[in-house]
PDB file of N, CA and C in Angstrom:
ATOM      1  N   UNK A   1      26.033 -26.722  33.201  1.00  0.00           N
ATOM      2  CA  UNK A   1      25.198 -25.400  32.415  1.00  0.00           C
ATOM      3  C   UNK A   1      25.722 -25.700  31.797  1.00  0.00           C
ATOM      4  N   UNK A   2      24.375 -25.499  29.962  1.00  0.00           N
ATOM      5  CA  UNK A   2      24.816 -25.290  28.901  1.00  0.00           C
ATOM      6  C   UNK A   2      25.191 -23.919  28.058  1.00  0.00           C
ATOM      7  N   UNK A   3      25.608 -23.179  27.519  1.00  0.00           N
ATOM      8  CA  UNK A   3      25.762 -22.522  26.691  1.00  0.00           C
ATOM      9  C   UNK A   3      25.547 -22.048  25.677  1.00  0.00           C
ATOM     10  N   UNK A   4      24.256 -20.994  24.711  1.00  0.00           N
ATOM     11  CA  UNK A   4      24.677 -20.488  23.739  1.00  0.00           C
ATOM     12  C   UNK A   4      25.261 -19.912  22.555  1.00  0.00           C
ATOM     13  N   UNK A   5      24.535 -19.875  21.660  1.00  0.00           N
ATOM     14  CA  UNK A   5      24.735 -19.284  20.717  1.00  0.00           C
ATOM     15  C   UNK A   5      23.385 -18.277  20.058  1.00  0.00           C
ATOM     16  N   UNK A   6      22.878 -17.032  19.560  1.00  0.00           N
ATOM     17  CA  UNK A   6      21.435 -16.960  19.665  1.00  0.00           C
ATOM     18  C   UNK A   6      22.059 -16.531  18.184  1.00  0.00           C
ATOM     19  N   UNK A   7      21.171 -16.016  17.210  1.00  0.00           N
ATOM     20  CA  UNK A   7      20.488 -15.559  16.583  1.00  0.00           C
ATOM     21  C   UNK A   7      19.883 -15.637  16.268  1.00  0.00           C
ATOM     22  N   UNK A   8      19.531 -13.584  16.276  1.00  0.00           N
ATOM     23  CA  UNK A   8      17.721 -13.494  15.985  1.00  0.00           C
ATOM     24  C   UNK A   8      17.431 -11.722  14.774  1.00  0.00           C
ATOM     25  N   UNK A   9      16.541 -12.218  14.368  1.00  0.00           N
ATOM     26  CA  UNK A   9      16.554 -11.895  13.255  1.00  0.00           C
ATOM     27  C   UNK A   9      15.482 -11.881  13.063  1.00  0.00           C
ATOM     28  N   UNK A  10      14.446  -9.782  12.816  1.00  0.00           N
ATOM     29  CA  UNK A  10      13.406  -9.481  12.752  1.00  0.00           C
ATOM     30  C   UNK A  10      13.196  -9.031  11.545  1.00  0.00           C
ATOM     31  N   UNK A  11      12.757  -9.445  10.873  1.00  0.00           N
ATOM     32  CA  UNK A  11      12.066  -7.743   9.848  1.00  0.00           C
ATOM     33  C   UNK A  11      10.466  -7.188   9.506  1.00  0.00           C
ATOM     34  N   UNK A  12      10.315  -6.407   8.988  1.00  0.00           N
ATOM     35  CA  UNK A  12       8.447  -5.995   8.823  1.00  0.00           C
ATOM     36  C   UNK A  12       8.181  -6.255   7.046  1.00  0.00           C
ATOM     37  N   UNK A  13       8.349  -7.529   6.876  1.00  0.00           N
ATOM     38  CA  UNK A  13       8.345  -7.865   5.325  1.00  0.00           C
ATOM     39  C   UNK A  13       7.149  -8.434   5.303  1.00  0.00           C
ATOM     40  N   UNK A  14       6.835  -9.598   4.833  1.00  0.00           N
ATOM     41  CA  UNK A  14       5.592  -8.944   3.208  1.00  0.00           C
ATOM     42  C   UNK A  14       5.562 -10.048   4.695  1.00  0.00           C
ATOM     43  N   UNK A  15       5.848 -11.313   5.801  1.00  0.00           N
ATOM     44  CA  UNK A  15       5.406 -12.241   6.542  1.00  0.00           C
ATOM     45  C   UNK A  15       5.300 -13.183   5.520  1.00  0.00           C
ATOM     46  N   UNK A  16       5.483 -14.700   6.140  1.00  0.00           N
ATOM     47  CA  UNK A  16       5.376 -15.645   5.691  1.00  0.00           C
ATOM     48  C   UNK A  16       3.750 -17.079   6.345  1.00  0.00           C
ATOM     49  N   UNK A  17       2.843 -17.318   5.564  1.00  0.00           N
ATOM     50  CA  UNK A  17       1.400 -17.097   6.491  1.00  0.00           C
ATOM     51  C   UNK A  17       1.408 -19.148   7.198  1.00  0.00           C
ATOM     52  N   UNK A  18       0.712 -19.014   7.639  1.00  0.00           N
ATOM     53  CA  UNK A  18       0.516 -20.000   8.667  1.00  0.00           C
ATOM     54  C   UNK A  18       0.912 -21.341   8.128  1.00  0.00           C
ATOM     55  N   UNK A  19      -0.457 -21.443   6.919  1.00  0.00           N
ATOM     56  CA  UNK A  19      -0.115 -22.304   5.973  1.00  0.00           C
ATOM     57  C   UNK A  19       1.668 -22.874   5.478  1.00  0.00           C
ATOM     58  N   UNK A  20       1.994 -22.039   5.254  1.00  0.00           N
ATOM     59  CA  UNK A  20       3.957 -21.895   4.006  1.00  0.00           C
ATOM     60  C   UNK A  20       4.458 -22.677   5.206  1.00  0.00           C
ATOM     61  N   UNK A  21       4.246 -22.514   6.436  1.00  0.00           N
ATOM     62  CA  UNK A  21       5.719 -22.411   7.526  1.00  0.00           C
ATOM     63  C   UNK A  21       5.885 -23.794   7.958  1.00  0.00           C
ATOM     64  N   UNK A  22       5.056 -24.887   7.495  1.00  0.00           N
ATOM     65  CA  UNK A  22       4.885 -25.979   7.639  1.00  0.00           C
ATOM     66  C   UNK A  22       5.744 -26.282   6.741  1.00  0.00           C
ATOM     67  N   UNK A  23       5.646 -26.260   5.344  1.00  0.00           N
ATOM     68  CA  UNK A  23       7.477 -26.965   3.992  1.00  0.00           C
ATOM     69  C   UNK A  23       7.813 -25.547   3.633  1.00  0.00           C
ATOM     70  N   UNK A  24       8.129 -24.813   4.582  1.00  0.00           N
ATOM     71  CA  UNK A  24       8.658 -23.369   3.977  1.00  0.00           C
ATOM     72  C   UNK A  24      10.434 -23.410   4.048  1.00  0.00           C
ATOM     73  N   UNK A  25      10.337 -24.848   5.093  1.00  0.00           N
ATOM     74  CA  UNK A  25      12.238 -25.819   4.644  1.00  0.00           C
ATOM     75  C   UNK A  25      12.764 -26.268   4.472  1.00  0.00           C
ATOM     76  N   UNK A  26      11.725 -26.841   3.362  1.00  0.00           N
ATOM     77  CA  UNK A  26      12.119 -27.404   1.644  1.00  0.00           C
ATOM     78  C   UNK A  26      12.865 -27.316   0.734  1.00  0.00           C
ATOM     79  N   UNK A  27      14.284 -27.669   0.181  1.00  0.00           N
ATOM     80  CA  UNK A  27      14.585 -27.337  -0.798  1.00  0.00           C
ATOM     81  C   UNK A  27      13.479 -27.067  -1.699  1.00  0.00           C
ATOM     82  N   UNK A  28      13.732 -25.294  -2.554  1.00  0.00           N
ATOM     83  CA  UNK A  28      12.908 -25.721  -3.658  1.00  0.00           C
ATOM     84  C   UNK A  28      11.241 -24.897  -3.681  1.00  0.00           C
ATOM     85  N   UNK A  29      10.570 -24.838  -2.379  1.00  0.00           N
ATOM     86  CA  UNK A  29       9.078 -24.354  -2.051  1.00  0.00           C
ATOM     87  C   UNK A  29       8.992 -23.114  -1.072  1.00  0.00           C
ATOM     88  N   UNK A  30       8.886 -22.277  -1.810  1.00  0.00           N
ATOM     89  CA  UNK A  30       8.348 -20.956  -2.351  1.00  0.00           C
ATOM     90  C   UNK A  30       6.248 -20.975  -2.143  1.00  0.00           C
ATOM     91  N   UNK A  31       6.239 -19.309  -1.398  1.00  0.00           N
ATOM     92  CA  UNK A  31       5.028 -19.622  -0.426  1.00  0.00           C
ATOM     93  C   UNK A  31       4.167 -18.674  -2.523  1.00  0.00           C
ATOM     94  N   UNK A  32       4.851 -17.988  -2.951  1.00  0.00           N
ATOM     95  CA  UNK A  32       3.985 -18.328  -4.631  1.00  0.00           C
ATOM     96  C   UNK A  32       4.796 -18.113  -5.652  1.00  0.00           C
ATOM     97  N   UNK A  33       4.559 -18.923  -6.076  1.00  0.00           N
ATOM     98  CA  UNK A  33       5.188 -19.669  -7.699  1.00  0.00           C
ATOM     99  C   UNK A  33       5.165 -18.753  -8.555  1.00  0.00           C
ATOM    100  N   UNK A  34       5.029 -18.832  -9.781  1.00  0.00           N
ATOM    101  CA  UNK A  34       4.781 -18.479 -10.755  1.00  0.00           C
ATOM    102  C   UNK A  34       4.927 -16.155 -11.095  1.00  0.00           C
ATOM    103  N   UNK A  35       4.087 -16.202 -12.708  1.00  0.00           N
ATOM    104  CA  UNK A  35       4.965 -14.594 -12.524  1.00  0.00           C
ATOM    105  C   UNK A  35       4.146 -13.448 -11.540  1.00  0.00           C
ATOM    106  N   UNK A  36       2.857 -14.115 -10.038  1.00  0.00           N
ATOM    107  CA  UNK A  36       2.158 -13.448  -8.932  1.00  0.00           C
ATOM    108  C   UNK A  36       3.674 -13.083  -9.026  1.00  0.00           C
ATOM    109  N   UNK A  37       4.512 -13.992  -8.570  1.00  0.00           N
ATOM    110  CA  UNK A  37       6.248 -13.583  -7.163  1.00  0.00           C
ATOM    111  C   UNK A  37       5.948 -11.780  -7.087  1.00  0.00           C
ATOM    112  N   UNK A  38       5.649 -11.510  -5.801  1.00  0.00           N
ATOM    113  CA  UNK A  38       6.614 -10.099  -5.047  1.00  0.00           C
ATOM    114  C   UNK A  38       8.642  -9.882  -4.616  1.00  0.00           C
ATOM    115  N   UNK A  39       8.797 -11.285  -4.677  1.00  0.00           N
ATOM    116  CA  UNK A  39       9.983 -11.435  -3.653  1.00  0.00           C
ATOM    117  C   UNK A  39      10.411 -12.919  -5.085  1.00  0.00           C
ATOM    118  N   UNK A  40      12.105 -12.381  -5.940  1.00  0.00           N
ATOM    119  CA  UNK A  40      12.052 -13.082  -6.804  1.00  0.00           C
ATOM    120  C   UNK A  40      14.121 -14.159  -5.471  1.00  0.00           C
ATOM    121  N   UNK A  41      14.031 -15.513  -6.474  1.00  0.00           N
ATOM    122  CA  UNK A  41      15.312 -16.305  -5.140  1.00  0.00           C
ATOM    123  C   UNK A  41      14.400 -17.656  -5.906  1.00  0.00           C
ATOM    124  N   UNK A  42      15.066 -18.960  -5.256  1.00  0.00           N
ATOM    125  CA  UNK A  42      14.914 -20.425  -5.461  1.00  0.00           C
ATOM    126  C   UNK A  42      14.659 -20.849  -4.812  1.00  0.00           C
ATOM    127  N   UNK A  43      14.191 -20.443  -3.682  1.00  0.00           N
ATOM    128  CA  UNK A  43      13.696 -21.611  -2.434  1.00  0.00           C
ATOM    129  C   UNK A  43      14.470 -22.195  -1.501  1.00  0.00           C
ATOM    130  N   UNK A  44      16.193 -21.595  -1.725  1.00  0.00           N
ATOM    131  CA  UNK A  44      16.707 -22.565  -1.389  1.00  0.00           C
ATOM    132  C   UNK A  44      17.320 -21.878   0.444  1.00  0.00           C
ATOM    133  N   UNK A  45      16.896 -20.080   0.399  1.00  0.00           N
ATOM    134  CA  UNK A  45      17.739 -20.084   1.189  1.00  0.00           C
ATOM    135  C   UNK A  45      17.670 -20.875   2.785  1.00  0.00           C
ATOM    136  N   UNK A  46      16.468 -21.560   3.209  1.00  0.00           N
ATOM    137  CA  UNK A  46      15.670 -21.809   4.534  1.00  0.00           C
ATOM    138  C   UNK A  46      16.761 -22.980   4.934  1.00  0.00           C
ATOM    139  N   UNK A  47      16.336 -23.951   3.515  1.00  0.00           N
ATOM    140  CA  UNK A  47      16.434 -24.816   3.628  1.00  0.00           C
ATOM    141  C   UNK A  47      18.202 -25.778   3.639  1.00  0.00           C
ATOM    142  N   UNK A  48      18.763 -24.225   3.302  1.00  0.00           N
ATOM    143  CA  UNK A  48      20.510 -24.538   3.280  1.00  0.00           C
ATOM    144  C   UNK A  48      20.865 -23.929   4.329  1.00  0.00           C
ATOM    145  N   UNK A  49      19.911 -23.088   5.068  1.00  0.00           N
ATOM    146  CA  UNK A  49      20.846 -22.506   6.322  1.00  0.00           C
ATOM    147  C   UNK A  49      20.362 -23.873   7.539  1.00  0.00           C
ATOM    148  N   UNK A  50      18.960 -24.551   8.008  1.00  0.00           N
ATOM    149  CA  UNK A  50      18.757 -25.491   8.877  1.00  0.00           C
ATOM    150  C   UNK A  50      19.734 -26.758   8.455  1.00  0.00           C
ATOM    151  N   UNK A  51      20.306 -26.649   7.940  1.00  0.00           N
ATOM    152  CA  UNK A  51      22.136 -28.301   7.458  1.00  0.00           C
ATOM    153  C   UNK A  51      22.868 -27.716   8.220  1.00  0.00           C
ATOM    154  N   UNK A  52      23.283 -26.516   8.615  1.00  0.00           N
ATOM    155  CA  UNK A  52      24.296 -26.427   9.637  1.00  0.00           C
ATOM    156  C   UNK A  52      23.725 -26.636  10.965  1.00  0.00           C
ATOM    157  N   UNK A  53      22.490 -25.520  11.305  1.00  0.00           N
ATOM    158  CA  UNK A  53      22.356 -24.840  12.871  1.00  0.00           C
ATOM    159  C   UNK A  53      21.744 -26.632  13.090  1.00  0.00           C
ATOM    160  N   UNK A  54      22.130 -28.418  12.054  1.00  0.00           N
ATOM    161  CA  UNK A  54      20.839 -28.749  12.846  1.00  0.00           C
ATOM    162  C   UNK A  54      22.152 -29.718  13.214  1.00  0.00           C
ATOM    163  N   UNK A  55      23.121 -29.876  12.424  1.00  0.00           N
ATOM    164  CA  UNK A  55      24.248 -30.704  12.434  1.00  0.00           C
ATOM    165  C   UNK A  55      25.076 -30.308  13.229  1.00  0.00           C
ATOM    166  N   UNK A  56      24.829 -28.617  14.093  1.00  0.00           N
ATOM    167  CA  UNK A  56      25.475 -28.512  15.079  1.00  0.00           C
ATOM    168  C   UNK A  56      24.123 -28.875  16.331  1.00  0.00           C
ATOM    169  N   UNK A  57      23.277 -30.239  15.768  1.00  0.00           N
ATOM    170  CA  UNK A  57      22.871 -29.490  17.333  1.00  0.00           C
ATOM    171  C   UNK A  57      22.015 -28.541  18.042  1.00  0.00           C
ATOM    172  N   UNK A  58      21.419 -27.682  16.665  1.00  0.00           N
ATOM    173  CA  UNK A  58      20.707 -26.621  17.147  1.00  0.00           C
ATOM    174  C   UNK A  58      20.162 -26.364  16.276  1.00  0.00           C
ATOM    175  N   UNK A  59      19.055 -25.246  16.800  1.00  0.00           N
ATOM    176  CA  UNK A  59      17.146 -24.788  16.345  1.00  0.00           C
ATOM    177  C   UNK A  59      16.604 -23.781  15.501  1.00  0.00           C
ATOM    178  N   UNK A  60      15.825 -23.815  14.485  1.00  0.00           N
ATOM    179  CA  UNK A  60      15.514 -23.459  13.734  1.00  0.00           C
ATOM    180  C   UNK A  60      14.065 -22.708  14.941  1.00  0.00           C
ATOM    181  N   UNK A  61      13.649 -21.717  14.882  1.00  0.00           N
ATOM    182  CA  UNK A  61      12.378 -21.671  15.283  1.00  0.00           C
ATOM    183  C   UNK A  61      11.819 -20.016  14.261  1.00  0.00           C
ATOM    184  N   UNK A  62      10.246 -20.120  13.553  1.00  0.00           N
ATOM    185  CA  UNK A  62      10.160 -18.447  12.688  1.00  0.00           C
ATOM    186  C   UNK A  62       8.787 -18.052  14.035  1.00  0.00           C
ATOM    187  N   UNK A  63       8.642 -16.929  14.081  1.00  0.00           N
ATOM    188  CA  UNK A  63       7.704 -16.551  14.736  1.00  0.00           C
ATOM    189  C   UNK A  63       6.612 -15.600  13.230  1.00  0.00           C
ATOM    190  N   UNK A  64       5.531 -15.905  12.355  1.00  0.00           N
ATOM    191  CA  UNK A  64       5.509 -15.188  11.718  1.00  0.00           C
ATOM    192  C   UNK A  64       4.178 -15.544  10.837  1.00  0.00           C
ATOM    193  N   UNK A  65       2.912 -13.759  11.163  1.00  0.00           N
ATOM    194  CA  UNK A  65       1.862 -13.150  10.601  1.00  0.00           C
ATOM    195  C   UNK A  65       1.705 -12.550   8.958  1.00  0.00           C
ATOM    196  N   UNK A  66       1.189 -13.847   7.611  1.00  0.00           N
ATOM    197  CA  UNK A  66       0.964 -12.675   6.739  1.00  0.00           C
ATOM    198  C   UNK A  66       1.152 -11.424   6.253  1.00  0.00           C
ATOM    199  N   UNK A  67       1.890 -10.324   6.135  1.00  0.00           N
ATOM    200  CA  UNK A  67       1.559  -9.194   6.154  1.00  0.00           C
ATOM    201  C   UNK A  67       1.904  -8.493   7.481  1.00  0.00           C
ATOM    202  N   UNK A  68       2.754  -8.812   8.391  1.00  0.00           N
ATOM    203  CA  UNK A  68       2.987  -8.583   9.984  1.00  0.00           C
ATOM    204  C   UNK A  68       4.046  -8.918   9.612  1.00  0.00           C
ATOM    205  N   UNK A  69       5.556  -8.938   9.228  1.00  0.00           N
ATOM    206  CA  UNK A  69       7.194  -9.770   8.736  1.00  0.00           C
ATOM    207  C   UNK A  69       7.229 -10.924   9.505  1.00  0.00           C
ATOM    208  N   UNK A  70       8.604 -10.929   9.798  1.00  0.00           N
ATOM    209  CA  UNK A  70       8.841 -13.083  10.775  1.00  0.00           C
ATOM    210  C   UNK A  70       9.713 -11.501  12.064  1.00  0.00           C
ATOM    211  N   UNK A  71       9.928 -12.812  12.584  1.00  0.00           N
ATOM    212  CA  UNK A  71      11.068 -13.052  13.863  1.00  0.00           C
ATOM    213  C   UNK A  71      11.540 -14.892  13.606  1.00  0.00           C
ATOM    214  N   UNK A  72      13.363 -14.402  13.146  1.00  0.00           N
ATOM    215  CA  UNK A  72      13.203 -15.546  13.161  1.00  0.00           C
ATOM    216  C   UNK A  72      14.476 -16.042  14.402  1.00  0.00           C
ATOM    217  N   UNK A  73      15.230 -16.689  15.080  1.00  0.00           N
ATOM    218  CA  UNK A  73      15.467 -17.553  16.270  1.00  0.00           C
ATOM    219  C   UNK A  73      16.455 -19.030  15.268  1.00  0.00           C
ATOM    220  N   UNK A  74      17.744 -18.534  15.838  1.00  0.00           N
ATOM    221  CA  UNK A  74      18.967 -19.799  15.065  1.00  0.00           C
ATOM    222  C   UNK A  74      19.635 -19.615  16.581  1.00  0.00           C
ATOM    223  N   UNK A  75      18.959 -20.973  17.431  1.00  0.00           N
ATOM    224  CA  UNK A  75      19.824 -21.266  18.698  1.00  0.00           C
ATOM    225  C   UNK A  75      21.087 -22.486  18.425  1.00  0.00           C
ATOM    226  N   UNK A  76      22.377 -22.401  18.834  1.00  0.00           N
ATOM    227  CA  UNK A  76      22.805 -23.606  17.919  1.00  0.00           C
ATOM    228  C   UNK A  76      23.439 -23.992  20.012  1.00  0.00           C
ATOM    229  N   UNK A  77      23.887 -24.461  20.387  1.00  0.00           N
ATOM    230  CA  UNK A  77      24.353 -25.106  22.238  1.00  0.00           C
ATOM    231  C   UNK A  77      26.050 -24.571  21.125  1.00  0.00           C
ATOM    232  N   UNK A  78      26.928 -24.429  22.075  1.00  0.00           N
ATOM    233  CA  UNK A  78      27.538 -24.482  22.707  1.00  0.00           C
ATOM    234  C   UNK A  78      29.452 -24.907  23.075  1.00  0.00           C
ATOM    235  N   UNK A  79      30.221 -26.048  22.867  1.00  0.00           N
ATOM    236  CA  UNK A  79      30.191 -26.945  23.693  1.00  0.00           C
ATOM    237  C   UNK A  79      30.749 -26.408  25.043  1.00  0.00           C
ATOM    238  N   UNK A  80      31.043 -27.043  25.233  1.00  0.00           N
ATOM    239  CA  UNK A  80      32.222 -26.407  26.861  1.00  0.00           C
ATOM    240  C   UNK A  80      33.841 -26.293  27.287  1.00  0.00           C
ATOM    241  N   UNK A  81      33.776 -25.305  28.132  1.00  0.00           N
ATOM    242  CA  UNK A  81      34.718 -24.389  27.780  1.00  0.00           C
ATOM    243  C   UNK A  81      35.321 -24.828  27.843  1.00  0.00           C
TER     244      UNK A  81
END
């Protein structure tokens, strides 16, 4: 039997559109660019997060819709004790 470390984050923020979810793990990608951005940042957070998760054979799943917030689940398999 495989054990997993599960991390779940739920927020009620601006959400992520379905169209953007395909590229949201790409470095420097932001859903809004230029002066019309509501949120500051560089677009690196999700790409940096994905790297160690994948190195540990883990997975990140995101459920979100525009203006409905988001739910992020990180699942990392744990070695046998």
